Amino acid sequence: MNLRIQTYGRSYKRDRPERSANNQVDGVSVYTVLEKGLEDLMNMCDVVEQKFTIARDDFVNKMEE
């Protein structure tokens, strides 16, 4: 699985930001950005699961009628 997390600010291609010794870009830890991205992904998966479960239950109920 590939995961790309893009931050805003300078354009990557035109003006690639340099990482500091403590793995920060523009004063933000790259690990903090990764963690936030993974949390957002987990939240999105929870919403998809909930919507799928509701749709499945509705379908099963309609088939039983």
PDB file of N, CA and C in Angstrom:
ATOM      1  N   MET A   1       0.853  -1.165   0.000  1.00  0.00           N
ATOM      2  CA  MET A   1       0.000   0.000   0.000  1.00  0.00           C
ATOM      3  C   MET A   1       0.898   1.226   0.000  1.00  0.00           C
ATOM      4  N   ASN A   2       0.582   2.140  -0.865  1.00  0.00           N
ATOM      5  CA  ASN A   2       1.288   3.417  -0.886  1.00  0.00           C
ATOM      6  C   ASN A   2       0.382   4.476  -0.297  1.00  0.00           C
ATOM      7  N   LEU A   3       0.936   5.337   0.513  1.00  0.00           N
ATOM      8  CA  LEU A   3       0.174   6.407   1.133  1.00  0.00           C
ATOM      9  C   LEU A   3       0.913   7.702   0.890  1.00  0.00           C
ATOM     10  N   ARG A   4       0.239   8.660   0.270  1.00  0.00           N
ATOM     11  CA  ARG A   4       0.859   9.954   0.027  1.00  0.00           C
ATOM     12  C   ARG A   4       0.112  10.995   0.836  1.00  0.00           C
ATOM     13  N   ILE A   5       0.839  11.698   1.651  1.00  0.00           N
ATOM     14  CA  ILE A   5       0.252  12.766   2.446  1.00  0.00           C
ATOM     15  C   ILE A   5       0.926  14.055   2.004  1.00  0.00           C
ATOM     16  N   GLN A   6       0.122  14.959   1.470  1.00  0.00           N
ATOM     17  CA  GLN A   6       0.657  16.213   0.960  1.00  0.00           C
ATOM     18  C   GLN A   6       0.345  17.337   1.927  1.00  0.00           C
ATOM     19  N   THR A   7       1.344  18.131   2.229  1.00  0.00           N
ATOM     20  CA  THR A   7       1.137  19.282   3.081  1.00  0.00           C
ATOM     21  C   THR A   7       1.056  20.520   2.204  1.00  0.00           C
ATOM     22  N   TYR A   8       0.494  21.573   2.725  1.00  0.00           N
ATOM     23  CA  TYR A   8       0.364  22.817   1.976  1.00  0.00           C
ATOM     24  C   TYR A   8       1.537  23.729   2.302  1.00  0.00           C
ATOM     25  N   GLY A   9       1.735  24.681   1.480  1.00  0.00           N
ATOM     26  CA  GLY A   9       2.854  25.600   1.659  1.00  0.00           C
ATOM     27  C   GLY A   9       3.600  25.694   0.358  1.00  0.00           C
ATOM     28  N   ARG A  10       4.853  25.352   0.378  1.00  0.00           N
ATOM     29  CA  ARG A  10       5.654  25.418  -0.836  1.00  0.00           C
ATOM     30  C   ARG A  10       5.319  24.268  -1.772  1.00  0.00           C
ATOM     31  N   SER A  11       5.427  24.532  -3.060  1.00  0.00           N
ATOM     32  CA  SER A  11       5.191  23.489  -4.060  1.00  0.00           C
ATOM     33  C   SER A  11       6.357  22.511  -4.035  1.00  0.00           C
ATOM     34  N   TYR A  12       6.044  21.231  -4.012  1.00  0.00           N
ATOM     35  CA  TYR A  12       7.074  20.202  -3.916  1.00  0.00           C
ATOM     36  C   TYR A  12       8.013  20.244  -5.114  1.00  0.00           C
ATOM     37  N   LYS A  13       7.472  20.383  -6.317  1.00  0.00           N
ATOM     38  CA  LYS A  13       8.301  20.321  -7.509  1.00  0.00           C
ATOM     39  C   LYS A  13       9.135  21.580  -7.705  1.00  0.00           C
ATOM     40  N   ARG A  14       8.581  22.734  -7.405  1.00  0.00           N
ATOM     41  CA  ARG A  14       9.298  23.979  -7.658  1.00  0.00           C
ATOM     42  C   ARG A  14      10.286  24.317  -6.546  1.00  0.00           C
ATOM     43  N   ASP A  15       9.860  24.146  -5.326  1.00  0.00           N
ATOM     44  CA  ASP A  15      10.698  24.575  -4.203  1.00  0.00           C
ATOM     45  C   ASP A  15      10.632  23.514  -3.117  1.00  0.00           C
ATOM     46  N   ARG A  16      11.333  22.417  -3.303  1.00  0.00           N
ATOM     47  CA  ARG A  16      11.268  21.286  -2.380  1.00  0.00           C
ATOM     48  C   ARG A  16      11.793  21.699  -1.009  1.00  0.00           C
ATOM     49  N   PRO A  17      10.956  21.570   0.026  1.00  0.00           N
ATOM     50  CA  PRO A  17      11.400  21.943   1.368  1.00  0.00           C
ATOM     51  C   PRO A  17      12.440  20.964   1.906  1.00  0.00           C
ATOM     52  N   GLU A  18      13.369  21.470   2.625  1.00  0.00           N
ATOM     53  CA  GLU A  18      14.403  20.638   3.224  1.00  0.00           C
ATOM     54  C   GLU A  18      13.963  20.206   4.614  1.00  0.00           C
ATOM     55  N   ARG A  19      14.279  18.981   4.968  1.00  0.00           N
ATOM     56  CA  ARG A  19      13.985  18.492   6.315  1.00  0.00           C
ATOM     57  C   ARG A  19      15.101  18.897   7.245  1.00  0.00           C
ATOM     58  N   SER A  20      14.706  19.263   8.438  1.00  0.00           N
ATOM     59  CA  SER A  20      15.699  19.590   9.454  1.00  0.00           C
ATOM     60  C   SER A  20      16.190  18.301  10.106  1.00  0.00           C
ATOM     61  N   ALA A  21      17.131  18.423  11.009  1.00  0.00           N
ATOM     62  CA  ALA A  21      17.717  17.252  11.673  1.00  0.00           C
ATOM     63  C   ALA A  21      16.677  16.471  12.481  1.00  0.00           C
ATOM     64  N   ASN A  22      15.613  17.141  12.934  1.00  0.00           N
ATOM     65  CA  ASN A  22      14.591  16.455  13.738  1.00  0.00           C
ATOM     66  C   ASN A  22      13.358  16.091  12.904  1.00  0.00           C
ATOM     67  N   ASN A  23      13.562  15.841  11.591  1.00  0.00           N
ATOM     68  CA  ASN A  23      12.492  15.400  10.693  1.00  0.00           C
ATOM     69  C   ASN A  23      11.304  16.340  10.680  1.00  0.00           C
ATOM     70  N   GLN A  24      11.567  17.622  10.526  1.00  0.00           N
ATOM     71  CA  GLN A  24      10.499  18.595  10.425  1.00  0.00           C
ATOM     72  C   GLN A  24      10.578  19.312   9.086  1.00  0.00           C
ATOM     73  N   VAL A  25       9.413  19.600   8.531  1.00  0.00           N
ATOM     74  CA  VAL A  25       9.305  20.397   7.322  1.00  0.00           C
ATOM     75  C   VAL A  25       8.429  21.587   7.660  1.00  0.00           C
ATOM     76  N   ASP A  26       8.933  22.774   7.438  1.00  0.00           N
ATOM     77  CA  ASP A  26       8.196  24.000   7.755  1.00  0.00           C
ATOM     78  C   ASP A  26       7.735  24.014   9.218  1.00  0.00           C
ATOM     79  N   GLY A  27       8.512  23.459  10.109  1.00  0.00           N
ATOM     80  CA  GLY A  27       8.209  23.489  11.541  1.00  0.00           C
ATOM     81  C   GLY A  27       7.235  22.433  12.015  1.00  0.00           C
ATOM     82  N   VAL A  28       6.816  21.525  11.134  1.00  0.00           N
ATOM     83  CA  VAL A  28       5.863  20.477  11.503  1.00  0.00           C
ATOM     84  C   VAL A  28       6.559  19.131  11.357  1.00  0.00           C
ATOM     85  N   SER A  29       6.435  18.301  12.364  1.00  0.00           N
ATOM     86  CA  SER A  29       7.046  16.975  12.334  1.00  0.00           C
ATOM     87  C   SER A  29       6.380  16.121  11.260  1.00  0.00           C
ATOM     88  N   VAL A  30       7.179  15.464  10.444  1.00  0.00           N
ATOM     89  CA  VAL A  30       6.616  14.588   9.414  1.00  0.00           C
ATOM     90  C   VAL A  30       5.847  13.432  10.055  1.00  0.00           C
ATOM     91  N   TYR A  31       6.236  13.039  11.235  1.00  0.00           N
ATOM     92  CA  TYR A  31       5.538  11.963  11.938  1.00  0.00           C
ATOM     93  C   TYR A  31       4.164  12.425  12.428  1.00  0.00           C
ATOM     94  N   THR A  32       4.056  13.678  12.804  1.00  0.00           N
ATOM     95  CA  THR A  32       2.768  14.237  13.203  1.00  0.00           C
ATOM     96  C   THR A  32       1.817  14.267  12.018  1.00  0.00           C
ATOM     97  N   VAL A  33       2.328  14.662  10.854  1.00  0.00           N
ATOM     98  CA  VAL A  33       1.512  14.693   9.647  1.00  0.00           C
ATOM     99  C   VAL A  33       1.075  13.277   9.271  1.00  0.00           C
ATOM    100  N   LEU A  34       1.973  12.312   9.347  1.00  0.00           N
ATOM    101  CA  LEU A  34       1.634  10.919   9.041  1.00  0.00           C
ATOM    102  C   LEU A  34       0.583  10.393  10.006  1.00  0.00           C
ATOM    103  N   GLU A  35       0.745  10.662  11.286  1.00  0.00           N
ATOM    104  CA  GLU A  35      -0.218  10.197  12.280  1.00  0.00           C
ATOM    105  C   GLU A  35      -1.599  10.783  12.020  1.00  0.00           C
ATOM    106  N   LYS A  36      -1.670  12.071  11.700  1.00  0.00           N
ATOM    107  CA  LYS A  36      -2.952  12.723  11.394  1.00  0.00           C
ATOM    108  C   LYS A  36      -3.578  12.092  10.155  1.00  0.00           C
ATOM    109  N   GLY A  37      -2.763  11.824   9.137  1.00  0.00           N
ATOM    110  CA  GLY A  37      -3.284  11.195   7.928  1.00  0.00           C
ATOM    111  C   GLY A  37      -3.847   9.813   8.197  1.00  0.00           C
ATOM    112  N   LEU A  38      -3.162   9.037   9.030  1.00  0.00           N
ATOM    113  CA  LEU A  38      -3.640   7.692   9.365  1.00  0.00           C
ATOM    114  C   LEU A  38      -4.916   7.747  10.206  1.00  0.00           C
ATOM    115  N   GLU A  39      -5.014   8.719  11.108  1.00  0.00           N
ATOM    116  CA  GLU A  39      -6.234   8.879  11.898  1.00  0.00           C
ATOM    117  C   GLU A  39      -7.410   9.240  10.993  1.00  0.00           C
ATOM    118  N   ASP A  40      -7.171  10.137  10.028  1.00  0.00           N
ATOM    119  CA  ASP A  40      -8.229  10.506   9.085  1.00  0.00           C
ATOM    120  C   ASP A  40      -8.664   9.294   8.263  1.00  0.00           C
ATOM    121  N   LEU A  41      -7.710   8.466   7.863  1.00  0.00           N
ATOM    122  CA  LEU A  41      -8.023   7.259   7.090  1.00  0.00           C
ATOM    123  C   LEU A  41      -8.868   6.287   7.917  1.00  0.00           C
ATOM    124  N   MET A  42      -8.516   6.115   9.181  1.00  0.00           N
ATOM    125  CA  MET A  42      -9.305   5.225  10.054  1.00  0.00           C
ATOM    126  C   MET A  42     -10.726   5.761  10.234  1.00  0.00           C
ATOM    127  N   ASN A  43     -10.860   7.077  10.396  1.00  0.00           N
ATOM    128  CA  ASN A  43     -12.190   7.669  10.544  1.00  0.00           C
ATOM    129  C   ASN A  43     -13.016   7.478   9.283  1.00  0.00           C
ATOM    130  N   MET A  44     -12.390   7.641   8.130  1.00  0.00           N
ATOM    131  CA  MET A  44     -13.093   7.443   6.872  1.00  0.00           C
ATOM    132  C   MET A  44     -13.555   5.986   6.746  1.00  0.00           C
ATOM    133  N   CYS A  45     -12.701   5.034   7.129  1.00  0.00           N
ATOM    134  CA  CYS A  45     -13.069   3.618   7.075  1.00  0.00           C
ATOM    135  C   CYS A  45     -14.246   3.320   8.001  1.00  0.00           C
ATOM    136  N   ASP A  46     -14.288   3.968   9.158  1.00  0.00           N
ATOM    137  CA  ASP A  46     -15.415   3.777  10.080  1.00  0.00           C
ATOM    138  C   ASP A  46     -16.719   4.237   9.444  1.00  0.00           C
ATOM    139  N   VAL A  47     -16.694   5.378   8.768  1.00  0.00           N
ATOM    140  CA  VAL A  47     -17.896   5.911   8.120  1.00  0.00           C
ATOM    141  C   VAL A  47     -18.344   4.982   6.995  1.00  0.00           C
ATOM    142  N   VAL A  48     -17.400   4.508   6.191  1.00  0.00           N
ATOM    143  CA  VAL A  48     -17.738   3.592   5.098  1.00  0.00           C
ATOM    144  C   VAL A  48     -18.353   2.311   5.655  1.00  0.00           C
ATOM    145  N   GLU A  49     -17.785   1.787   6.734  1.00  0.00           N
ATOM    146  CA  GLU A  49     -18.327   0.575   7.347  1.00  0.00           C
ATOM    147  C   GLU A  49     -19.746   0.797   7.847  1.00  0.00           C
ATOM    148  N   GLN A  50     -19.988   1.933   8.494  1.00  0.00           N
ATOM    149  CA  GLN A  50     -21.329   2.223   9.003  1.00  0.00           C
ATOM    150  C   GLN A  50     -22.344   2.319   7.872  1.00  0.00           C
ATOM    151  N   LYS A  51     -21.985   3.034   6.802  1.00  0.00           N
ATOM    152  CA  LYS A  51     -22.902   3.184   5.669  1.00  0.00           C
ATOM    153  C   LYS A  51     -23.151   1.842   4.982  1.00  0.00           C
ATOM    154  N   PHE A  52     -22.118   1.027   4.868  1.00  0.00           N
ATOM    155  CA  PHE A  52     -22.279  -0.299   4.264  1.00  0.00           C
ATOM    156  C   PHE A  52     -23.213  -1.154   5.108  1.00  0.00           C
ATOM    157  N   THR A  53     -23.019  -1.149   6.410  1.00  0.00           N
ATOM    158  CA  THR A  53     -23.843  -1.959   7.307  1.00  0.00           C
ATOM    159  C   THR A  53     -25.305  -1.545   7.221  1.00  0.00           C
ATOM    160  N   ILE A  54     -25.566  -0.254   7.191  1.00  0.00           N
ATOM    161  CA  ILE A  54     -26.947   0.240   7.079  1.00  0.00           C
ATOM    162  C   ILE A  54     -27.562  -0.201   5.756  1.00  0.00           C
ATOM    163  N   ALA A  55     -26.811  -0.034   4.666  1.00  0.00           N
ATOM    164  CA  ALA A  55     -27.324  -0.423   3.345  1.00  0.00           C
ATOM    165  C   ALA A  55     -27.565  -1.923   3.267  1.00  0.00           C
ATOM    166  N   ARG A  56     -26.677  -2.724   3.841  1.00  0.00           N
ATOM    167  CA  ARG A  56     -26.844  -4.170   3.833  1.00  0.00           C
ATOM    168  C   ARG A  56     -28.078  -4.579   4.623  1.00  0.00           C
ATOM    169  N   ASP A  57     -28.239  -3.980   5.806  1.00  0.00           N
ATOM    170  CA  ASP A  57     -29.407  -4.307   6.633  1.00  0.00           C
ATOM    171  C   ASP A  57     -30.705  -3.909   5.943  1.00  0.00           C
ATOM    172  N   ASP A  58     -30.715  -2.747   5.269  1.00  0.00           N
ATOM    173  CA  ASP A  58     -31.905  -2.326   4.527  1.00  0.00           C
ATOM    174  C   ASP A  58     -32.216  -3.316   3.417  1.00  0.00           C
ATOM    175  N   PHE A  59     -31.204  -3.780   2.722  1.00  0.00           N
ATOM    176  CA  PHE A  59     -31.390  -4.740   1.630  1.00  0.00           C
ATOM    177  C   PHE A  59     -31.956  -6.052   2.162  1.00  0.00           C
ATOM    178  N   VAL A  60     -31.386  -6.541   3.254  1.00  0.00           N
ATOM    179  CA  VAL A  60     -31.872  -7.810   3.836  1.00  0.00           C
ATOM    180  C   VAL A  60     -33.318  -7.650   4.284  1.00  0.00           C
ATOM    181  N   ASN A  61     -33.661  -6.532   4.885  1.00  0.00           N
ATOM    182  CA  ASN A  61     -35.044  -6.309   5.344  1.00  0.00           C
ATOM    183  C   ASN A  61     -36.003  -6.260   4.162  1.00  0.00           C
ATOM    184  N   LYS A  62     -35.617  -5.649   3.056  1.00  0.00           N
ATOM    185  CA  LYS A  62     -36.476  -5.597   1.877  1.00  0.00           C
ATOM    186  C   LYS A  62     -36.655  -6.983   1.274  1.00  0.00           C
ATOM    187  N   MET A  63     -35.645  -7.808   1.300  1.00  0.00           N
ATOM    188  CA  MET A  63     -35.738  -9.155   0.751  1.00  0.00           C
ATOM    189  C   MET A  63     -36.638 -10.060   1.584  1.00  0.00           C
ATOM    190  N   GLU A  64     -36.740  -9.770   2.877  1.00  0.00           N
ATOM    191  CA  GLU A  64     -37.567 -10.580   3.769  1.00  0.00           C
ATOM    192  C   GLU A  64     -39.045 -10.212   3.684  1.00  0.00           C
ATOM    193  N   GLU A  65     -39.356  -9.060   3.115  1.00  0.00           N
ATOM    194  CA  GLU A  65     -40.774  -8.628   3.049  1.00  0.00           C
ATOM    195  C   GLU A  65     -41.549  -9.359   2.020  1.00  0.00           C
TER     196      GLU A  65
END
